[in-house]
Amino acid sequence: MGKYEEAVRLWKSYGLGTEADLGRRLDSFRILFAYNSSRIENEAVTYSDTREIFENGRVLNYSGDPRALFELANQRLCYEFLKPRLATREPLTIALIKETQGVLTSGTYDERSFVEQGERPGEFKKHDYVTGIAEVGSLPEDVESDLTELLAELADYEDKDTLTVAAYFHARFDISILSRTATGASGGRCSTIG
């Protein structure tokens, strides 16, 4: 048995059927996940700051960009928002994706995005934003249908190759670009569901 199969077998052996079960198994991971996710876009974020946000809901003596703290606090809120859904294995839907993105981006849109462009947390993008070296992304009018197609494709996998399917979802989700901001973070959180 390879390492991938061992990891999947171990995870399934935990029998994570309640929020308390998830909390025990994900306690350290939730902080590491948020820290590493935040570091992708903001190298000033520290593990210590991330841990303080998750464990105490605040950071003392912080002198960096306050947006980074909002993003970390939102990741904590998002973890708490998703935990009961993970425990009950709630199906991944467009409504849940939008709600997750709304939790992750609340209070983080800049003036240009929010006022001038009318973008909102938890809504599909209104303008043609792209990502990556190849500058790819769904057109605003295609985002919902592209995500519907992706969710239908994922439904065919049932419970096979869970980590591969989650990675595939995250990559495809990033290309769709649901919103103006936190697309990678939204994809990462949503890939843990379903």
C-alpha atoms as a PDB file:
ATOM      1  CA  MET A   1       0.000   0.000   0.000  1.00  0.00           C
ATOM      2  CA  GLY A   2       1.352   3.419  -0.971  1.00  0.00           C
ATOM      3  CA  LYS A   3       1.579   6.487   1.255  1.00  0.00           C
ATOM      4  CA  TYR A   4      -1.536   8.027  -0.329  1.00  0.00           C
ATOM      5  CA  GLU A   5      -3.633   4.950   0.394  1.00  0.00           C
ATOM      6  CA  GLU A   6      -2.210   4.781   3.940  1.00  0.00           C
ATOM      7  CA  ALA A   7      -3.149   8.412   4.586  1.00  0.00           C
ATOM      8  CA  VAL A   8      -6.689   7.909   3.296  1.00  0.00           C
ATOM      9  CA  ARG A   9      -7.115   4.679   5.290  1.00  0.00           C
ATOM     10  CA  LEU A  10      -5.849   6.376   8.466  1.00  0.00           C
ATOM     11  CA  TRP A  11      -8.164   9.370   8.016  1.00  0.00           C
ATOM     12  CA  LYS A  12     -11.185   7.128   7.426  1.00  0.00           C
ATOM     13  CA  SER A  13     -10.293   5.018  10.471  1.00  0.00           C
ATOM     14  CA  TYR A  14     -10.821   8.043  12.718  1.00  0.00           C
ATOM     15  CA  GLY A  15     -14.586   7.819  12.206  1.00  0.00           C
ATOM     16  CA  LEU A  16     -15.093  11.562  12.271  1.00  0.00           C
ATOM     17  CA  GLY A  17     -18.847  11.804  12.727  1.00  0.00           C
ATOM     18  CA  THR A  18     -19.137  14.776  15.079  1.00  0.00           C
ATOM     19  CA  GLU A  19     -17.825  18.303  15.378  1.00  0.00           C
ATOM     20  CA  ALA A  20     -15.927  17.241  18.508  1.00  0.00           C
ATOM     21  CA  ASP A  21     -14.195  14.447  16.550  1.00  0.00           C
ATOM     22  CA  LEU A  22     -13.160  16.930  13.864  1.00  0.00           C
ATOM     23  CA  GLY A  23     -12.021  19.450  16.464  1.00  0.00           C
ATOM     24  CA  ARG A  24      -9.697  16.899  18.074  1.00  0.00           C
ATOM     25  CA  ARG A  25      -8.154  15.792  14.788  1.00  0.00           C
ATOM     26  CA  LEU A  26      -7.922  19.231  13.165  1.00  0.00           C
ATOM     27  CA  ASP A  27      -6.877  21.376  16.126  1.00  0.00           C
ATOM     28  CA  SER A  28      -3.285  21.951  15.011  1.00  0.00           C
ATOM     29  CA  PHE A  29      -4.042  21.542  11.315  1.00  0.00           C
ATOM     30  CA  ARG A  30      -6.579  24.378  11.225  1.00  0.00           C
ATOM     31  CA  ILE A  31      -3.910  26.850  12.357  1.00  0.00           C
ATOM     32  CA  LEU A  32      -1.223  25.490  10.022  1.00  0.00           C
ATOM     33  CA  PHE A  33      -3.668  25.495   7.103  1.00  0.00           C
ATOM     34  CA  ALA A  34      -4.688  29.109   7.725  1.00  0.00           C
ATOM     35  CA  TYR A  35      -1.093  30.208   8.261  1.00  0.00           C
ATOM     36  CA  ASN A  36       0.231  28.599   5.076  1.00  0.00           C
ATOM     37  CA  SER A  37      -2.748  29.769   3.045  1.00  0.00           C
ATOM     38  CA  SER A  38      -2.255  33.345   4.267  1.00  0.00           C
ATOM     39  CA  ARG A  39       1.496  33.267   3.620  1.00  0.00           C
ATOM     40  CA  ILE A  40       0.863  32.686  -0.073  1.00  0.00           C
ATOM     41  CA  GLU A  41      -0.444  36.233  -0.437  1.00  0.00           C
ATOM     42  CA  ASN A  42       1.057  37.983   2.584  1.00  0.00           C
ATOM     43  CA  GLU A  43       4.563  37.082   3.715  1.00  0.00           C
ATOM     44  CA  ALA A  44       4.235  39.319   6.780  1.00  0.00           C
ATOM     45  CA  VAL A  45       1.774  36.865   8.385  1.00  0.00           C
ATOM     46  CA  THR A  46       3.394  34.864  11.179  1.00  0.00           C
ATOM     47  CA  TYR A  47       2.478  31.527  12.693  1.00  0.00           C
ATOM     48  CA  SER A  48       2.300  33.217  16.084  1.00  0.00           C
ATOM     49  CA  ASP A  49      -0.242  35.788  14.846  1.00  0.00           C
ATOM     50  CA  THR A  50      -2.297  33.032  13.236  1.00  0.00           C
ATOM     51  CA  ARG A  51      -2.290  30.948  16.404  1.00  0.00           C
ATOM     52  CA  GLU A  52      -3.318  33.972  18.490  1.00  0.00           C
ATOM     53  CA  ILE A  53      -6.263  34.681  16.200  1.00  0.00           C
ATOM     54  CA  PHE A  54      -7.426  31.057  16.329  1.00  0.00           C
ATOM     55  CA  GLU A  55      -6.892  30.515  20.040  1.00  0.00           C
ATOM     56  CA  ASN A  56      -7.718  33.954  21.482  1.00  0.00           C
ATOM     57  CA  GLY A  57      -9.544  35.836  18.734  1.00  0.00           C
ATOM     58  CA  ARG A  58      -7.024  38.702  18.801  1.00  0.00           C
ATOM     59  CA  VAL A  59      -3.375  39.647  18.330  1.00  0.00           C
ATOM     60  CA  LEU A  60      -1.437  41.978  20.609  1.00  0.00           C
ATOM     61  CA  ASN A  61       1.222  44.450  19.425  1.00  0.00           C
ATOM     62  CA  TYR A  62       0.541  43.908  15.733  1.00  0.00           C
ATOM     63  CA  SER A  63       1.953  46.575  13.414  1.00  0.00           C
ATOM     64  CA  GLY A  64       1.244  45.090   9.976  1.00  0.00           C
ATOM     65  CA  ASP A  65      -1.550  45.518   7.463  1.00  0.00           C
ATOM     66  CA  PRO A  66      -4.895  45.166   9.296  1.00  0.00           C
ATOM     67  CA  ARG A  67      -6.382  43.416   6.259  1.00  0.00           C
ATOM     68  CA  ALA A  68      -4.143  40.424   7.061  1.00  0.00           C
ATOM     69  CA  LEU A  69      -5.772  40.165  10.495  1.00  0.00           C
ATOM     70  CA  PHE A  70      -9.264  40.349   8.970  1.00  0.00           C
ATOM     71  CA  GLU A  71      -8.304  37.549   6.587  1.00  0.00           C
ATOM     72  CA  LEU A  72      -6.952  35.402   9.443  1.00  0.00           C
ATOM     73  CA  ALA A  73     -10.023  36.071  11.581  1.00  0.00           C
ATOM     74  CA  ASN A  74     -12.213  35.159   8.614  1.00  0.00           C
ATOM     75  CA  GLN A  75     -10.322  31.877   8.204  1.00  0.00           C
ATOM     76  CA  ARG A  76     -11.085  31.091  11.837  1.00  0.00           C
ATOM     77  CA  LEU A  77     -14.765  31.932  11.297  1.00  0.00           C
ATOM     78  CA  CYS A  78     -14.783  29.852   8.134  1.00  0.00           C
ATOM     79  CA  TYR A  79     -13.358  26.838   9.973  1.00  0.00           C
ATOM     80  CA  GLU A  80     -16.149  27.130  12.550  1.00  0.00           C
ATOM     81  CA  PHE A  81     -18.716  27.638   9.778  1.00  0.00           C
ATOM     82  CA  LEU A  82     -17.576  24.527   7.884  1.00  0.00           C
ATOM     83  CA  LYS A  83     -16.999  22.194  10.848  1.00  0.00           C
ATOM     84  CA  PRO A  84     -20.654  21.151  11.292  1.00  0.00           C
ATOM     85  CA  ARG A  85     -21.018  20.763   7.538  1.00  0.00           C
ATOM     86  CA  LEU A  86     -17.976  18.501   7.410  1.00  0.00           C
ATOM     87  CA  ALA A  87     -19.277  16.427  10.320  1.00  0.00           C
ATOM     88  CA  THR A  88     -22.602  15.819   8.564  1.00  0.00           C
ATOM     89  CA  ARG A  89     -20.955  15.486   5.142  1.00  0.00           C
ATOM     90  CA  GLU A  90     -23.191  18.218   3.727  1.00  0.00           C
ATOM     91  CA  PRO A  91     -23.048  18.120  -0.069  1.00  0.00           C
ATOM     92  CA  LEU A  92     -21.077  20.851  -1.774  1.00  0.00           C
ATOM     93  CA  THR A  93     -23.463  23.214  -3.574  1.00  0.00           C
ATOM     94  CA  ILE A  94     -23.157  26.573  -5.263  1.00  0.00           C
ATOM     95  CA  ALA A  95     -25.007  28.164  -2.340  1.00  0.00           C
ATOM     96  CA  LEU A  96     -22.512  26.677   0.140  1.00  0.00           C
ATOM     97  CA  ILE A  97     -19.560  27.775  -2.002  1.00  0.00           C
ATOM     98  CA  LYS A  98     -20.896  31.337  -2.133  1.00  0.00           C
ATOM     99  CA  GLU A  99     -21.602  31.369   1.604  1.00  0.00           C
ATOM    100  CA  THR A 100     -18.096  30.051   2.354  1.00  0.00           C
ATOM    101  CA  GLN A 101     -16.548  32.723   0.141  1.00  0.00           C
ATOM    102  CA  GLY A 102     -18.693  35.337   1.883  1.00  0.00           C
ATOM    103  CA  VAL A 103     -17.393  34.272   5.306  1.00  0.00           C
ATOM    104  CA  LEU A 104     -13.795  34.272   4.052  1.00  0.00           C
ATOM    105  CA  THR A 105     -13.929  37.716   2.471  1.00  0.00           C
ATOM    106  CA  SER A 106     -16.148  39.722   4.784  1.00  0.00           C
ATOM    107  CA  GLY A 107     -14.529  43.097   5.419  1.00  0.00           C
ATOM    108  CA  THR A 108     -11.579  42.504   3.089  1.00  0.00           C
ATOM    109  CA  TYR A 109     -12.667  44.121  -0.185  1.00  0.00           C
ATOM    110  CA  ASP A 110     -10.803  47.289  -1.085  1.00  0.00           C
ATOM    111  CA  GLU A 111     -12.603  50.484  -2.060  1.00  0.00           C
ATOM    112  CA  ARG A 112     -12.078  49.923  -5.785  1.00  0.00           C
ATOM    113  CA  SER A 113     -13.576  46.427  -5.705  1.00  0.00           C
ATOM    114  CA  PHE A 114     -16.452  47.244  -3.369  1.00  0.00           C
ATOM    115  CA  VAL A 115     -17.471  50.786  -4.335  1.00  0.00           C
ATOM    116  CA  GLU A 116     -16.327  51.269  -7.904  1.00  0.00           C
ATOM    117  CA  GLN A 117     -16.816  47.728  -9.225  1.00  0.00           C
ATOM    118  CA  GLY A 118     -19.730  46.626  -7.048  1.00  0.00           C
ATOM    119  CA  GLU A 119     -18.127  43.323  -6.002  1.00  0.00           C
ATOM    120  CA  ARG A 120     -19.540  41.702  -2.865  1.00  0.00           C
ATOM    121  CA  PRO A 121     -18.489  38.871  -0.563  1.00  0.00           C
ATOM    122  CA  GLY A 122     -20.467  35.724  -1.284  1.00  0.00           C
ATOM    123  CA  GLU A 123     -21.475  36.738  -4.799  1.00  0.00           C
ATOM    124  CA  PHE A 124     -20.173  35.758  -8.210  1.00  0.00           C
ATOM    125  CA  LYS A 125     -17.707  38.166  -9.739  1.00  0.00           C
ATOM    126  CA  LYS A 126     -19.114  40.993 -11.828  1.00  0.00           C
ATOM    127  CA  HIS A 127     -15.977  41.657 -13.874  1.00  0.00           C
ATOM    128  CA  ASP A 128     -13.538  39.565 -15.877  1.00  0.00           C
ATOM    129  CA  TYR A 129     -10.720  38.727 -13.445  1.00  0.00           C
ATOM    130  CA  VAL A 130      -8.122  36.146 -14.355  1.00  0.00           C
ATOM    131  CA  THR A 131      -5.472  34.191 -12.478  1.00  0.00           C
ATOM    132  CA  GLY A 132      -2.121  32.540 -12.981  1.00  0.00           C
ATOM    133  CA  ILE A 133       0.621  32.822 -15.550  1.00  0.00           C
ATOM    134  CA  ALA A 134      -1.783  31.926 -18.351  1.00  0.00           C
ATOM    135  CA  GLU A 135      -4.304  34.500 -17.070  1.00  0.00           C
ATOM    136  CA  VAL A 136      -7.263  32.142 -17.197  1.00  0.00           C
ATOM    137  CA  GLY A 137     -10.709  32.497 -15.705  1.00  0.00           C
ATOM    138  CA  SER A 138     -14.376  32.097 -16.460  1.00  0.00           C
ATOM    139  CA  LEU A 139     -16.247  35.060 -17.838  1.00  0.00           C
ATOM    140  CA  PRO A 140     -18.579  36.530 -15.203  1.00  0.00           C
ATOM    141  CA  GLU A 141     -21.660  35.276 -17.024  1.00  0.00           C
ATOM    142  CA  ASP A 142     -20.187  31.726 -17.164  1.00  0.00           C
ATOM    143  CA  VAL A 143     -19.083  31.291 -13.530  1.00  0.00           C
ATOM    144  CA  GLU A 144     -22.311  29.707 -12.257  1.00  0.00           C
ATOM    145  CA  SER A 145     -22.639  27.272 -15.166  1.00  0.00           C
ATOM    146  CA  ASP A 146     -18.924  26.377 -14.964  1.00  0.00           C
ATOM    147  CA  LEU A 147     -19.257  25.642 -11.230  1.00  0.00           C
ATOM    148  CA  THR A 148     -22.481  23.662 -11.811  1.00  0.00           C
ATOM    149  CA  GLU A 149     -20.621  21.552 -14.371  1.00  0.00           C
ATOM    150  CA  LEU A 150     -17.703  21.047 -11.970  1.00  0.00           C
ATOM    151  CA  LEU A 151     -20.003  19.973  -9.119  1.00  0.00           C
ATOM    152  CA  ALA A 152     -21.772  17.503 -11.421  1.00  0.00           C
ATOM    153  CA  GLU A 153     -18.398  16.092 -12.443  1.00  0.00           C
ATOM    154  CA  LEU A 154     -17.363  15.674  -8.792  1.00  0.00           C
ATOM    155  CA  ALA A 155     -20.619  13.886  -7.939  1.00  0.00           C
ATOM    156  CA  ASP A 156     -19.507  10.991 -10.160  1.00  0.00           C
ATOM    157  CA  TYR A 157     -16.489  10.260  -7.946  1.00  0.00           C
ATOM    158  CA  GLU A 158     -18.500   9.256  -4.854  1.00  0.00           C
ATOM    159  CA  ASP A 159     -15.914   8.270  -2.211  1.00  0.00           C
ATOM    160  CA  LYS A 160     -13.018   7.261  -4.476  1.00  0.00           C
ATOM    161  CA  ASP A 161      -9.670   9.081  -4.698  1.00  0.00           C
ATOM    162  CA  THR A 162     -10.819  11.726  -2.224  1.00  0.00           C
ATOM    163  CA  LEU A 163      -7.561  13.702  -2.036  1.00  0.00           C
ATOM    164  CA  THR A 164      -7.082  13.654  -5.798  1.00  0.00           C
ATOM    165  CA  VAL A 165     -10.646  14.851  -6.336  1.00  0.00           C
ATOM    166  CA  ALA A 166     -10.178  17.633  -3.739  1.00  0.00           C
ATOM    167  CA  ALA A 167      -6.980  18.797  -5.461  1.00  0.00           C
ATOM    168  CA  TYR A 168      -8.692  18.685  -8.857  1.00  0.00           C
ATOM    169  CA  PHE A 169     -11.637  20.684  -7.516  1.00  0.00           C
ATOM    170  CA  HIS A 170      -9.314  23.315  -6.034  1.00  0.00           C
ATOM    171  CA  ALA A 171      -7.396  23.714  -9.303  1.00  0.00           C
ATOM    172  CA  ARG A 172     -10.555  23.963 -11.419  1.00  0.00           C
ATOM    173  CA  PHE A 173     -12.211  26.272  -8.897  1.00  0.00           C
ATOM    174  CA  ASP A 174      -9.265  28.674  -9.053  1.00  0.00           C
ATOM    175  CA  ILE A 175      -9.672  28.830 -12.824  1.00  0.00           C
ATOM    176  CA  SER A 176     -13.397  29.607 -12.548  1.00  0.00           C
ATOM    177  CA  ILE A 177     -12.686  32.504 -10.178  1.00  0.00           C
ATOM    178  CA  LEU A 178     -15.874  32.863  -8.223  1.00  0.00           C
ATOM    179  CA  SER A 179     -15.046  36.346  -6.994  1.00  0.00           C
ATOM    180  CA  ARG A 180     -12.634  39.264  -6.964  1.00  0.00           C
ATOM    181  CA  THR A 181     -10.695  38.063  -3.920  1.00  0.00           C
ATOM    182  CA  ALA A 182      -9.857  34.927  -1.897  1.00  0.00           C
ATOM    183  CA  THR A 183     -10.563  32.539  -4.766  1.00  0.00           C
ATOM    184  CA  GLY A 184      -7.702  30.248  -3.749  1.00  0.00           C
ATOM    185  CA  ALA A 185      -8.731  30.323  -0.113  1.00  0.00           C
ATOM    186  CA  SER A 186     -12.366  29.649  -1.023  1.00  0.00           C
ATOM    187  CA  GLY A 187     -11.336  26.742  -3.234  1.00  0.00           C
ATOM    188  CA  GLY A 188      -9.151  25.332  -0.523  1.00  0.00           C
ATOM    189  CA  ARG A 189     -11.893  25.427   2.079  1.00  0.00           C
ATOM    190  CA  CYS A 190     -14.568  24.091  -0.255  1.00  0.00           C
ATOM    191  CA  SER A 191     -12.310  21.235  -1.362  1.00  0.00           C
ATOM    192  CA  THR A 192     -12.520  19.885   2.198  1.00  0.00           C
ATOM    193  CA  ILE A 193     -16.273  19.372   1.824  1.00  0.00           C
ATOM    194  CA  GLY A 194     -18.022  16.657  -0.110  1.00  0.00           C
END
